[in-house]
Amino acid sequence: MLKIDALPTVSVIVPAYNAERDIAKLIGSLLDLDYPKELLEIIIVDNNSNDRTKETVNQYPVKLLEEKNIQSSYAARNKGIRNAKGEIIAFIDSDCVATPQWIKEGVNILVSESADLVGGKVEFVYSKENTAAELFDSITNMQIEFNIEESAVAKTANLFVKLSLFDKIGMFPYWVKSGGDVQWTGKATKNGFSLLYAPRAIVKHPARSLRALLKKQYRVGRGQVHIWIGERRSSLKFIYSVFRMFLPSRLSSIKKIIYQRGTTEMNEKVLSIWYVSCLCNLSMGLGILMEIFGGLKQRNLK
């Protein structure tokens, strides 16, 4: 572990949109971080909220910024980055809660291993109902270790980045609704910058209800189009990828994911989890189609 006199300054950046219900709990956890307060800056960037998010944030000793021009969490993050003073930028979502050691553990891996980016662990918190949607969410979304090992990408729900990296490869793609963090971290690793996993840099995230999960997958679908374009997929492969979204998930695949990342108790709800996965595929497929046809419509109007 790094010595206190060797610790870098850190700016925590949180995009917020209608986050009145969750933001106080998040800020409370950030104020309780086990990291020297004089080295820590907390920046909340409100993205045109129409609830009491800003009023709530103003009750705490944190910096409040506003991104009014562009409705995008990535635009909000970019606003925070441009105003950050820390040597390290730490990203977390407004509905997460940081554990006390979050910053210290993430910074330790970033500095001691000479990494450029570090993704931390996201632990899911379930409701009393412990629904199939929540279980499916917890074994498929924000699998940071898997994302880093298999695809060399990470998510901004728990991400540490050296501030200087944004000068080298640019800011987040603000024009996408979802997946901008995957695009950006993928761009970084493809350009030779190192991305490592910090298993003890933990944040907690509520597992999503079915409605919230379907909305999330719809946004992911819209963002996926931009990822595929960035990968320069052929037209045939593009069409095949869209077609696959409307096919039912394989039950064997769900069982495999449960075996790899879930718990034995999840086997009791495997059919329900499989059903949720099919609905998520459909929602994501609809998001993809909406983004494709929306782009075509805009081009025809020009």
C-alpha atoms as a PDB file:
ATOM      1  CA  MET A   1       0.000   0.000   0.000  1.00  0.00           C
ATOM      2  CA  LEU A   2       1.217   3.503  -0.833  1.00  0.00           C
ATOM      3  CA  LYS A   3       2.482   5.810   1.893  1.00  0.00           C
ATOM      4  CA  ILE A   4       0.323   8.838   2.704  1.00  0.00           C
ATOM      5  CA  ASP A   5       2.938  11.306   1.475  1.00  0.00           C
ATOM      6  CA  ALA A   6       3.020   9.483  -1.885  1.00  0.00           C
ATOM      7  CA  LEU A   7      -0.727   9.542  -2.504  1.00  0.00           C
ATOM      8  CA  PRO A   8      -1.972  11.485  -5.556  1.00  0.00           C
ATOM      9  CA  THR A   9      -4.847  13.943  -5.582  1.00  0.00           C
ATOM     10  CA  VAL A  10      -8.172  12.446  -6.727  1.00  0.00           C
ATOM     11  CA  SER A  11     -11.282  13.998  -8.251  1.00  0.00           C
ATOM     12  CA  VAL A  12     -14.436  11.885  -7.953  1.00  0.00           C
ATOM     13  CA  ILE A  13     -16.877  12.667 -10.777  1.00  0.00           C
ATOM     14  CA  VAL A  14     -20.567  11.749 -10.609  1.00  0.00           C
ATOM     15  CA  PRO A  15     -23.074  12.518 -13.405  1.00  0.00           C
ATOM     16  CA  ALA A  16     -26.565  13.014 -12.003  1.00  0.00           C
ATOM     17  CA  TYR A  17     -29.979  13.120 -13.639  1.00  0.00           C
ATOM     18  CA  ASN A  18     -33.089  13.087 -11.427  1.00  0.00           C
ATOM     19  CA  ALA A  19     -31.010  11.425  -8.723  1.00  0.00           C
ATOM     20  CA  GLU A  20     -32.777  12.969  -5.731  1.00  0.00           C
ATOM     21  CA  ARG A  21     -33.636   9.540  -4.301  1.00  0.00           C
ATOM     22  CA  ASP A  22     -30.069   8.182  -4.316  1.00  0.00           C
ATOM     23  CA  ILE A  23     -27.611  11.063  -4.377  1.00  0.00           C
ATOM     24  CA  ALA A  24     -27.545  11.773  -0.641  1.00  0.00           C
ATOM     25  CA  LYS A  25     -26.591   8.191   0.166  1.00  0.00           C
ATOM     26  CA  LEU A  26     -23.824   8.258  -2.427  1.00  0.00           C
ATOM     27  CA  ILE A  27     -22.413  11.586  -1.227  1.00  0.00           C
ATOM     28  CA  GLY A  28     -22.497  10.339   2.362  1.00  0.00           C
ATOM     29  CA  SER A  29     -20.385   7.337   1.372  1.00  0.00           C
ATOM     30  CA  LEU A  30     -17.924   9.583  -0.514  1.00  0.00           C
ATOM     31  CA  LEU A  31     -17.515  11.852   2.503  1.00  0.00           C
ATOM     32  CA  ASP A  32     -16.676   8.774   4.583  1.00  0.00           C
ATOM     33  CA  LEU A  33     -13.939   7.511   2.268  1.00  0.00           C
ATOM     34  CA  ASP A  34     -10.712   6.315   3.870  1.00  0.00           C
ATOM     35  CA  TYR A  35      -8.577   8.762   1.922  1.00  0.00           C
ATOM     36  CA  PRO A  36      -7.011  12.070   3.030  1.00  0.00           C
ATOM     37  CA  LYS A  37      -9.682  14.758   2.665  1.00  0.00           C
ATOM     38  CA  GLU A  38      -7.122  17.344   1.504  1.00  0.00           C
ATOM     39  CA  LEU A  39      -6.304  15.127  -1.476  1.00  0.00           C
ATOM     40  CA  LEU A  40      -9.912  14.480  -2.446  1.00  0.00           C
ATOM     41  CA  GLU A  41     -12.330  16.480  -4.588  1.00  0.00           C
ATOM     42  CA  ILE A  42     -15.972  15.436  -5.113  1.00  0.00           C
ATOM     43  CA  ILE A  43     -17.699  16.792  -8.221  1.00  0.00           C
ATOM     44  CA  ILE A  44     -21.397  16.214  -8.939  1.00  0.00           C
ATOM     45  CA  VAL A  45     -22.485  17.218 -12.449  1.00  0.00           C
ATOM     46  CA  ASP A  46     -26.224  17.752 -12.784  1.00  0.00           C
ATOM     47  CA  ASN A  47     -27.542  16.979 -16.276  1.00  0.00           C
ATOM     48  CA  ASN A  48     -30.806  18.973 -16.421  1.00  0.00           C
ATOM     49  CA  SER A  49     -32.567  17.262 -13.526  1.00  0.00           C
ATOM     50  CA  ASN A  50     -36.185  18.320 -12.955  1.00  0.00           C
ATOM     51  CA  ASP A  51     -36.424  17.010  -9.398  1.00  0.00           C
ATOM     52  CA  ARG A  52     -34.577  18.244  -6.286  1.00  0.00           C
ATOM     53  CA  THR A  53     -31.179  16.761  -7.153  1.00  0.00           C
ATOM     54  CA  LYS A  54     -29.363  20.118  -7.133  1.00  0.00           C
ATOM     55  CA  GLU A  55     -31.006  21.235  -3.881  1.00  0.00           C
ATOM     56  CA  THR A  56     -29.972  17.973  -2.239  1.00  0.00           C
ATOM     57  CA  VAL A  57     -26.379  18.206  -3.473  1.00  0.00           C
ATOM     58  CA  ASN A  58     -26.086  21.793  -2.235  1.00  0.00           C
ATOM     59  CA  GLN A  59     -26.574  20.555   1.318  1.00  0.00           C
ATOM     60  CA  TYR A  60     -23.146  18.867   1.251  1.00  0.00           C
ATOM     61  CA  PRO A  61     -19.533  20.135   1.027  1.00  0.00           C
ATOM     62  CA  VAL A  62     -19.040  19.028  -2.577  1.00  0.00           C
ATOM     63  CA  LYS A  63     -18.676  20.859  -5.889  1.00  0.00           C
ATOM     64  CA  LEU A  64     -21.844  21.090  -8.004  1.00  0.00           C
ATOM     65  CA  LEU A  65     -21.555  21.705 -11.748  1.00  0.00           C
ATOM     66  CA  GLU A  66     -24.246  21.715 -14.443  1.00  0.00           C
ATOM     67  CA  GLU A  67     -24.246  20.363 -17.991  1.00  0.00           C
ATOM     68  CA  LYS A  68     -27.240  22.093 -19.583  1.00  0.00           C
ATOM     69  CA  ASN A  69     -26.415  21.926 -23.278  1.00  0.00           C
ATOM     70  CA  ILE A  70     -26.171  18.181 -23.935  1.00  0.00           C
ATOM     71  CA  GLN A  71     -28.422  15.514 -22.401  1.00  0.00           C
ATOM     72  CA  SER A  72     -25.864  12.745 -21.905  1.00  0.00           C
ATOM     73  CA  SER A  73     -24.132  11.243 -18.881  1.00  0.00           C
ATOM     74  CA  TYR A  74     -20.895  11.255 -20.912  1.00  0.00           C
ATOM     75  CA  ALA A  75     -21.241  14.973 -21.618  1.00  0.00           C
ATOM     76  CA  ALA A  76     -21.743  15.459 -17.873  1.00  0.00           C
ATOM     77  CA  ARG A  77     -18.608  13.428 -17.136  1.00  0.00           C
ATOM     78  CA  ASN A  78     -16.667  15.482 -19.688  1.00  0.00           C
ATOM     79  CA  LYS A  79     -17.801  18.658 -17.910  1.00  0.00           C
ATOM     80  CA  GLY A  80     -16.481  17.260 -14.646  1.00  0.00           C
ATOM     81  CA  ILE A  81     -13.163  16.252 -16.205  1.00  0.00           C
ATOM     82  CA  ARG A  82     -12.588  19.736 -17.629  1.00  0.00           C
ATOM     83  CA  ASN A  83     -13.084  21.221 -14.165  1.00  0.00           C
ATOM     84  CA  ALA A  84     -11.220  18.583 -12.147  1.00  0.00           C
ATOM     85  CA  LYS A  85      -8.047  19.374 -10.237  1.00  0.00           C
ATOM     86  CA  GLY A  86      -7.010  15.851  -9.258  1.00  0.00           C
ATOM     87  CA  GLU A  87      -4.203  13.853 -10.838  1.00  0.00           C
ATOM     88  CA  ILE A  88      -6.533  10.845 -10.829  1.00  0.00           C
ATOM     89  CA  ILE A  89     -10.185  10.839 -11.926  1.00  0.00           C
ATOM     90  CA  ALA A  90     -12.468   8.345 -10.184  1.00  0.00           C
ATOM     91  CA  PHE A  91     -15.883   7.689 -11.732  1.00  0.00           C
ATOM     92  CA  ILE A  92     -18.924   6.329  -9.932  1.00  0.00           C
ATOM     93  CA  ASP A  93     -22.664   6.405 -10.734  1.00  0.00           C
ATOM     94  CA  SER A  94     -25.240   8.359  -8.749  1.00  0.00           C
ATOM     95  CA  ASP A  95     -27.127   5.215  -7.680  1.00  0.00           C
ATOM     96  CA  CYS A  96     -24.004   3.510  -6.316  1.00  0.00           C
ATOM     97  CA  VAL A  97     -22.518   3.565  -2.816  1.00  0.00           C
ATOM     98  CA  ALA A  98     -18.760   3.596  -2.309  1.00  0.00           C
ATOM     99  CA  THR A  99     -17.148   1.386   0.324  1.00  0.00           C
ATOM    100  CA  PRO A 100     -14.674   3.238   2.597  1.00  0.00           C
ATOM    101  CA  GLN A 101     -11.582   1.720   0.955  1.00  0.00           C
ATOM    102  CA  TRP A 102     -12.785   2.319  -2.638  1.00  0.00           C
ATOM    103  CA  ILE A 103     -10.462   5.189  -3.560  1.00  0.00           C
ATOM    104  CA  LYS A 104      -7.436   3.906  -1.653  1.00  0.00           C
ATOM    105  CA  GLU A 105      -7.586   0.455  -3.256  1.00  0.00           C
ATOM    106  CA  GLY A 106      -8.163   1.760  -6.774  1.00  0.00           C
ATOM    107  CA  VAL A 107      -5.366   4.317  -6.520  1.00  0.00           C
ATOM    108  CA  ASN A 108      -3.011   1.716  -5.053  1.00  0.00           C
ATOM    109  CA  ILE A 109      -3.362  -0.545  -8.115  1.00  0.00           C
ATOM    110  CA  LEU A 110      -3.186   2.394 -10.506  1.00  0.00           C
ATOM    111  CA  VAL A 111       0.046   3.755  -9.024  1.00  0.00           C
ATOM    112  CA  SER A 112       1.870   0.667  -7.760  1.00  0.00           C
ATOM    113  CA  GLU A 113       1.245  -1.280 -10.991  1.00  0.00           C
ATOM    114  CA  SER A 114       1.929   1.752 -13.231  1.00  0.00           C
ATOM    115  CA  ALA A 115      -1.451   1.345 -14.924  1.00  0.00           C
ATOM    116  CA  ASP A 116      -3.247   3.996 -16.932  1.00  0.00           C
ATOM    117  CA  LEU A 117      -6.767   2.848 -16.066  1.00  0.00           C
ATOM    118  CA  VAL A 118      -8.203   0.661 -13.315  1.00  0.00           C
ATOM    119  CA  GLY A 119     -11.657  -0.872 -13.055  1.00  0.00           C
ATOM    120  CA  GLY A 120     -12.990  -1.800  -9.631  1.00  0.00           C
ATOM    121  CA  LYS A 121     -15.528  -4.348  -8.461  1.00  0.00           C
ATOM    122  CA  VAL A 122     -19.286  -3.709  -8.530  1.00  0.00           C
ATOM    123  CA  GLU A 123     -21.240  -5.647  -5.897  1.00  0.00           C
ATOM    124  CA  PHE A 124     -24.996  -5.898  -6.393  1.00  0.00           C
ATOM    125  CA  VAL A 125     -27.542  -5.299  -3.652  1.00  0.00           C
ATOM    126  CA  TYR A 126     -30.902  -7.091  -3.932  1.00  0.00           C
ATOM    127  CA  SER A 127     -34.384  -6.147  -2.788  1.00  0.00           C
ATOM    128  CA  LYS A 128     -36.333  -8.356  -0.388  1.00  0.00           C
ATOM    129  CA  GLU A 129     -38.105  -9.925  -3.374  1.00  0.00           C
ATOM    130  CA  ASN A 130     -34.804 -11.037  -4.925  1.00  0.00           C
ATOM    131  CA  THR A 131     -36.463 -11.158  -8.344  1.00  0.00           C
ATOM    132  CA  ALA A 132     -35.284 -13.003 -11.454  1.00  0.00           C
ATOM    133  CA  ALA A 133     -34.634  -9.627 -13.120  1.00  0.00           C
ATOM    134  CA  GLU A 134     -32.349  -8.593 -10.266  1.00  0.00           C
ATOM    135  CA  LEU A 135     -30.500 -11.900 -10.438  1.00  0.00           C
ATOM    136  CA  PHE A 136     -30.063 -11.646 -14.198  1.00  0.00           C
ATOM    137  CA  ASP A 137     -28.827  -8.064 -13.858  1.00  0.00           C
ATOM    138  CA  SER A 138     -26.241  -9.108 -11.281  1.00  0.00           C
ATOM    139  CA  ILE A 139     -24.703 -11.857 -13.425  1.00  0.00           C
ATOM    140  CA  THR A 140     -24.658 -10.031 -16.758  1.00  0.00           C
ATOM    141  CA  ASN A 141     -24.175  -6.294 -16.221  1.00  0.00           C
ATOM    142  CA  MET A 142     -21.094  -4.501 -14.874  1.00  0.00           C
ATOM    143  CA  GLN A 143     -18.966  -7.642 -14.793  1.00  0.00           C
ATOM    144  CA  ILE A 144     -15.831  -5.535 -14.568  1.00  0.00           C
ATOM    145  CA  GLU A 145     -13.251  -8.286 -14.096  1.00  0.00           C
ATOM    146  CA  PHE A 146     -14.695 -10.278 -17.012  1.00  0.00           C
ATOM    147  CA  ASN A 147     -14.901  -7.156 -19.214  1.00  0.00           C
ATOM    148  CA  ILE A 148     -11.263  -6.306 -18.552  1.00  0.00           C
ATOM    149  CA  GLU A 149      -9.922  -9.832 -19.014  1.00  0.00           C
ATOM    150  CA  GLU A 150     -11.971 -10.738 -22.095  1.00  0.00           C
ATOM    151  CA  SER A 151     -12.418  -7.434 -23.931  1.00  0.00           C
ATOM    152  CA  ALA A 152     -10.003  -4.914 -22.351  1.00  0.00           C
ATOM    153  CA  VAL A 153     -12.860  -2.502 -21.571  1.00  0.00           C
ATOM    154  CA  ALA A 154     -14.418  -1.187 -18.352  1.00  0.00           C
ATOM    155  CA  LYS A 155     -17.436   0.751 -17.071  1.00  0.00           C
ATOM    156  CA  THR A 156     -17.667   4.171 -15.436  1.00  0.00           C
ATOM    157  CA  ALA A 157     -19.690   2.784 -12.536  1.00  0.00           C
ATOM    158  CA  ASN A 158     -16.253   2.090 -11.024  1.00  0.00           C
ATOM    159  CA  LEU A 159     -13.310   3.433 -12.988  1.00  0.00           C
ATOM    160  CA  PHE A 160     -10.022   5.176 -12.191  1.00  0.00           C
ATOM    161  CA  VAL A 161      -8.165   7.108 -14.906  1.00  0.00           C
ATOM    162  CA  LYS A 162      -5.064   9.284 -14.950  1.00  0.00           C
ATOM    163  CA  LEU A 163      -6.198  12.794 -15.857  1.00  0.00           C
ATOM    164  CA  SER A 164      -3.412  13.109 -18.433  1.00  0.00           C
ATOM    165  CA  LEU A 165      -4.954  10.256 -20.449  1.00  0.00           C
ATOM    166  CA  PHE A 166      -7.819  12.471 -21.594  1.00  0.00           C
ATOM    167  CA  ASP A 167      -5.316  14.832 -23.217  1.00  0.00           C
ATOM    168  CA  LYS A 168      -3.832  11.895 -25.099  1.00  0.00           C
ATOM    169  CA  ILE A 169      -6.948  10.171 -26.475  1.00  0.00           C
ATOM    170  CA  GLY A 170      -9.729  12.703 -26.024  1.00  0.00           C
ATOM    171  CA  MET A 171     -12.926  12.855 -23.983  1.00  0.00           C
ATOM    172  CA  PHE A 172     -15.896  10.493 -23.754  1.00  0.00           C
ATOM    173  CA  PRO A 173     -18.165  10.289 -26.841  1.00  0.00           C
ATOM    174  CA  TYR A 174     -20.941  12.555 -25.588  1.00  0.00           C
ATOM    175  CA  TRP A 175     -23.364  11.763 -28.433  1.00  0.00           C
ATOM    176  CA  VAL A 176     -24.152   8.183 -27.309  1.00  0.00           C
ATOM    177  CA  LYS A 177     -26.782   7.254 -24.731  1.00  0.00           C
ATOM    178  CA  SER A 178     -25.047   4.108 -23.483  1.00  0.00           C
ATOM    179  CA  GLY A 179     -21.751   2.319 -24.031  1.00  0.00           C
ATOM    180  CA  GLY A 180     -19.592   5.432 -24.262  1.00  0.00           C
ATOM    181  CA  ASP A 181     -17.400   4.130 -21.450  1.00  0.00           C
ATOM    182  CA  VAL A 182     -16.859   0.851 -23.335  1.00  0.00           C
ATOM    183  CA  GLN A 183     -15.944   2.776 -26.481  1.00  0.00           C
ATOM    184  CA  TRP A 184     -13.552   5.068 -24.642  1.00  0.00           C
ATOM    185  CA  THR A 185     -11.768   2.440 -22.534  1.00  0.00           C
ATOM    186  CA  GLY A 186     -11.535   0.210 -25.602  1.00  0.00           C
ATOM    187  CA  LYS A 187      -9.930   3.072 -27.509  1.00  0.00           C
ATOM    188  CA  ALA A 188      -7.435   3.541 -24.675  1.00  0.00           C
ATOM    189  CA  THR A 189      -6.354  -0.098 -24.543  1.00  0.00           C
ATOM    190  CA  LYS A 190      -6.151  -0.346 -28.346  1.00  0.00           C
ATOM    191  CA  ASN A 191      -3.737   2.580 -28.221  1.00  0.00           C
ATOM    192  CA  GLY A 192      -1.471   0.706 -25.816  1.00  0.00           C
ATOM    193  CA  PHE A 193      -2.615   2.096 -22.470  1.00  0.00           C
ATOM    194  CA  SER A 194      -2.859  -0.454 -19.665  1.00  0.00           C
ATOM    195  CA  LEU A 195      -6.127  -1.367 -17.928  1.00  0.00           C
ATOM    196  CA  LEU A 196      -6.060  -3.441 -14.730  1.00  0.00           C
ATOM    197  CA  TYR A 197      -8.657  -4.804 -12.286  1.00  0.00           C
ATOM    198  CA  ALA A 198      -8.804  -3.832  -8.603  1.00  0.00           C
ATOM    199  CA  PRO A 199     -10.927  -6.451  -6.771  1.00  0.00           C
ATOM    200  CA  ARG A 200     -10.833  -4.585  -3.444  1.00  0.00           C
ATOM    201  CA  ALA A 201     -11.904  -1.231  -4.909  1.00  0.00           C
ATOM    202  CA  ILE A 202     -15.597  -1.955  -4.320  1.00  0.00           C
ATOM    203  CA  VAL A 203     -18.770   0.008  -4.959  1.00  0.00           C
ATOM    204  CA  LYS A 204     -22.268  -1.303  -4.342  1.00  0.00           C
ATOM    205  CA  HIS A 205     -25.066  -1.005  -6.892  1.00  0.00           C
ATOM    206  CA  PRO A 206     -28.775  -1.899  -6.524  1.00  0.00           C
ATOM    207  CA  ALA A 207     -29.819  -4.744  -8.813  1.00  0.00           C
ATOM    208  CA  ARG A 208     -32.425  -3.497 -11.280  1.00  0.00           C
ATOM    209  CA  SER A 209     -36.117  -4.326 -11.410  1.00  0.00           C
ATOM    210  CA  LEU A 210     -37.485  -5.760 -14.661  1.00  0.00           C
ATOM    211  CA  ARG A 211     -38.734  -2.377 -15.861  1.00  0.00           C
ATOM    212  CA  ALA A 212     -35.442  -0.646 -15.090  1.00  0.00           C
ATOM    213  CA  LEU A 213     -33.497  -3.507 -16.644  1.00  0.00           C
ATOM    214  CA  LEU A 214     -35.467  -3.374 -19.904  1.00  0.00           C
ATOM    215  CA  LYS A 215     -34.945   0.401 -20.104  1.00  0.00           C
ATOM    216  CA  LYS A 216     -31.245  -0.151 -19.511  1.00  0.00           C
ATOM    217  CA  GLN A 217     -30.981  -2.803 -22.239  1.00  0.00           C
ATOM    218  CA  TYR A 218     -32.834  -0.534 -24.668  1.00  0.00           C
ATOM    219  CA  ARG A 219     -30.227   2.190 -24.056  1.00  0.00           C
ATOM    220  CA  VAL A 220     -27.453  -0.381 -24.387  1.00  0.00           C
ATOM    221  CA  GLY A 221     -28.895  -1.395 -27.743  1.00  0.00           C
ATOM    222  CA  ARG A 222     -28.792   2.183 -28.994  1.00  0.00           C
ATOM    223  CA  GLY A 223     -25.217   2.546 -27.817  1.00  0.00           C
ATOM    224  CA  GLN A 224     -24.219  -0.818 -29.284  1.00  0.00           C
ATOM    225  CA  VAL A 225     -24.733   0.515 -32.801  1.00  0.00           C
ATOM    226  CA  HIS A 226     -21.964   3.072 -32.275  1.00  0.00           C
ATOM    227  CA  ILE A 227     -19.656   0.401 -30.849  1.00  0.00           C
ATOM    228  CA  TRP A 228     -20.194  -1.793 -33.927  1.00  0.00           C
ATOM    229  CA  ILE A 229     -19.567   1.171 -36.204  1.00  0.00           C
ATOM    230  CA  GLY A 230     -16.345   1.876 -34.318  1.00  0.00           C
ATOM    231  CA  GLU A 231     -15.334  -1.757 -34.837  1.00  0.00           C
ATOM    232  CA  ARG A 232     -16.036  -1.297 -38.571  1.00  0.00           C
ATOM    233  CA  ARG A 233     -18.194  -4.387 -38.742  1.00  0.00           C
ATOM    234  CA  SER A 234     -19.162  -5.537 -42.195  1.00  0.00           C
ATOM    235  CA  SER A 235     -22.772  -5.073 -43.287  1.00  0.00           C
ATOM    236  CA  LEU A 236     -23.359  -8.832 -43.188  1.00  0.00           C
ATOM    237  CA  LYS A 237     -21.987  -9.164 -39.665  1.00  0.00           C
ATOM    238  CA  PHE A 238     -23.970  -6.109 -38.596  1.00  0.00           C
ATOM    239  CA  ILE A 239     -27.229  -7.628 -39.871  1.00  0.00           C
ATOM    240  CA  TYR A 240     -26.430 -10.966 -38.241  1.00  0.00           C
ATOM    241  CA  SER A 241     -25.738  -9.260 -34.895  1.00  0.00           C
ATOM    242  CA  VAL A 242     -29.115  -7.509 -35.031  1.00  0.00           C
ATOM    243  CA  PHE A 243     -30.899 -10.729 -36.020  1.00  0.00           C
ATOM    244  CA  ARG A 244     -29.411 -12.603 -33.054  1.00  0.00           C
ATOM    245  CA  MET A 245     -30.939 -10.096 -30.634  1.00  0.00           C
ATOM    246  CA  PHE A 246     -34.432 -11.319 -31.552  1.00  0.00           C
ATOM    247  CA  LEU A 247     -33.657 -14.976 -30.929  1.00  0.00           C
ATOM    248  CA  PRO A 248     -34.355 -16.575 -27.519  1.00  0.00           C
ATOM    249  CA  SER A 249     -31.342 -17.032 -25.287  1.00  0.00           C
ATOM    250  CA  ARG A 250     -30.046 -20.554 -24.920  1.00  0.00           C
ATOM    251  CA  LEU A 251     -31.025 -22.057 -21.590  1.00  0.00           C
ATOM    252  CA  SER A 252     -27.637 -23.773 -21.454  1.00  0.00           C
ATOM    253  CA  SER A 253     -25.941 -20.382 -21.778  1.00  0.00           C
ATOM    254  CA  ILE A 254     -27.891 -19.006 -18.814  1.00  0.00           C
ATOM    255  CA  LYS A 255     -26.982 -22.074 -16.756  1.00  0.00           C
ATOM    256  CA  LYS A 256     -23.320 -21.552 -17.651  1.00  0.00           C
ATOM    257  CA  ILE A 257     -23.391 -17.899 -16.601  1.00  0.00           C
ATOM    258  CA  ILE A 258     -25.050 -18.827 -13.300  1.00  0.00           C
ATOM    259  CA  TYR A 259     -22.375 -21.462 -12.728  1.00  0.00           C
ATOM    260  CA  GLN A 260     -19.570 -18.992 -13.476  1.00  0.00           C
ATOM    261  CA  ARG A 261     -20.835 -15.857 -11.712  1.00  0.00           C
ATOM    262  CA  GLY A 262     -23.941 -16.699  -9.730  1.00  0.00           C
ATOM    263  CA  THR A 263     -24.905 -18.747  -6.698  1.00  0.00           C
ATOM    264  CA  THR A 264     -26.400 -22.222  -6.365  1.00  0.00           C
ATOM    265  CA  GLU A 265     -29.676 -20.648  -5.191  1.00  0.00           C
ATOM    266  CA  MET A 266     -30.088 -19.076  -8.631  1.00  0.00           C
ATOM    267  CA  ASN A 267     -30.594 -22.536 -10.151  1.00  0.00           C
ATOM    268  CA  GLU A 268     -34.018 -22.604  -8.523  1.00  0.00           C
ATOM    269  CA  LYS A 269     -35.044 -19.635 -10.692  1.00  0.00           C
ATOM    270  CA  VAL A 270     -33.169 -20.581 -13.844  1.00  0.00           C
ATOM    271  CA  LEU A 271     -36.283 -20.628 -16.058  1.00  0.00           C
ATOM    272  CA  SER A 272     -37.403 -17.226 -14.778  1.00  0.00           C
ATOM    273  CA  ILE A 273     -33.903 -15.831 -15.326  1.00  0.00           C
ATOM    274  CA  TRP A 274     -33.900 -17.292 -18.837  1.00  0.00           C
ATOM    275  CA  TYR A 275     -37.254 -15.604 -19.558  1.00  0.00           C
ATOM    276  CA  VAL A 276     -35.860 -12.257 -18.373  1.00  0.00           C
ATOM    277  CA  SER A 277     -32.835 -12.725 -20.637  1.00  0.00           C
ATOM    278  CA  CYS A 278     -35.150 -13.217 -23.644  1.00  0.00           C
ATOM    279  CA  LEU A 279     -37.032 -10.012 -22.824  1.00  0.00           C
ATOM    280  CA  CYS A 280     -33.725  -8.169 -22.446  1.00  0.00           C
ATOM    281  CA  ASN A 281     -32.589  -9.391 -25.858  1.00  0.00           C
ATOM    282  CA  LEU A 282     -35.805  -8.063 -27.408  1.00  0.00           C
ATOM    283  CA  SER A 283     -35.437  -4.707 -25.649  1.00  0.00           C
ATOM    284  CA  MET A 284     -31.836  -4.401 -26.763  1.00  0.00           C
ATOM    285  CA  GLY A 285     -32.800  -5.373 -30.311  1.00  0.00           C
ATOM    286  CA  LEU A 286     -35.470  -2.668 -30.378  1.00  0.00           C
ATOM    287  CA  GLY A 287     -32.899  -0.146 -29.171  1.00  0.00           C
ATOM    288  CA  ILE A 288     -30.553  -1.160 -31.988  1.00  0.00           C
ATOM    289  CA  LEU A 289     -33.290  -0.808 -34.613  1.00  0.00           C
ATOM    290  CA  MET A 290     -34.396   2.570 -33.259  1.00  0.00           C
ATOM    291  CA  GLU A 291     -30.834   3.876 -33.416  1.00  0.00           C
ATOM    292  CA  ILE A 292     -30.316   2.555 -36.943  1.00  0.00           C
ATOM    293  CA  PHE A 293     -33.577   3.927 -38.346  1.00  0.00           C
ATOM    294  CA  GLY A 294     -33.224   7.147 -36.356  1.00  0.00           C
ATOM    295  CA  GLY A 295     -29.833   7.696 -37.967  1.00  0.00           C
ATOM    296  CA  LEU A 296     -31.241   6.961 -41.419  1.00  0.00           C
ATOM    297  CA  LYS A 297     -34.102   9.399 -40.839  1.00  0.00           C
ATOM    298  CA  GLN A 298     -31.706  12.158 -39.798  1.00  0.00           C
ATOM    299  CA  ARG A 299     -29.558  11.582 -42.891  1.00  0.00           C
ATOM    300  CA  ASN A 300     -32.653  11.724 -45.160  1.00  0.00           C
ATOM    301  CA  LEU A 301     -33.719  15.011 -43.593  1.00  0.00           C
ATOM    302  CA  LYS A 302     -30.376  16.681 -44.364  1.00  0.00           C
END
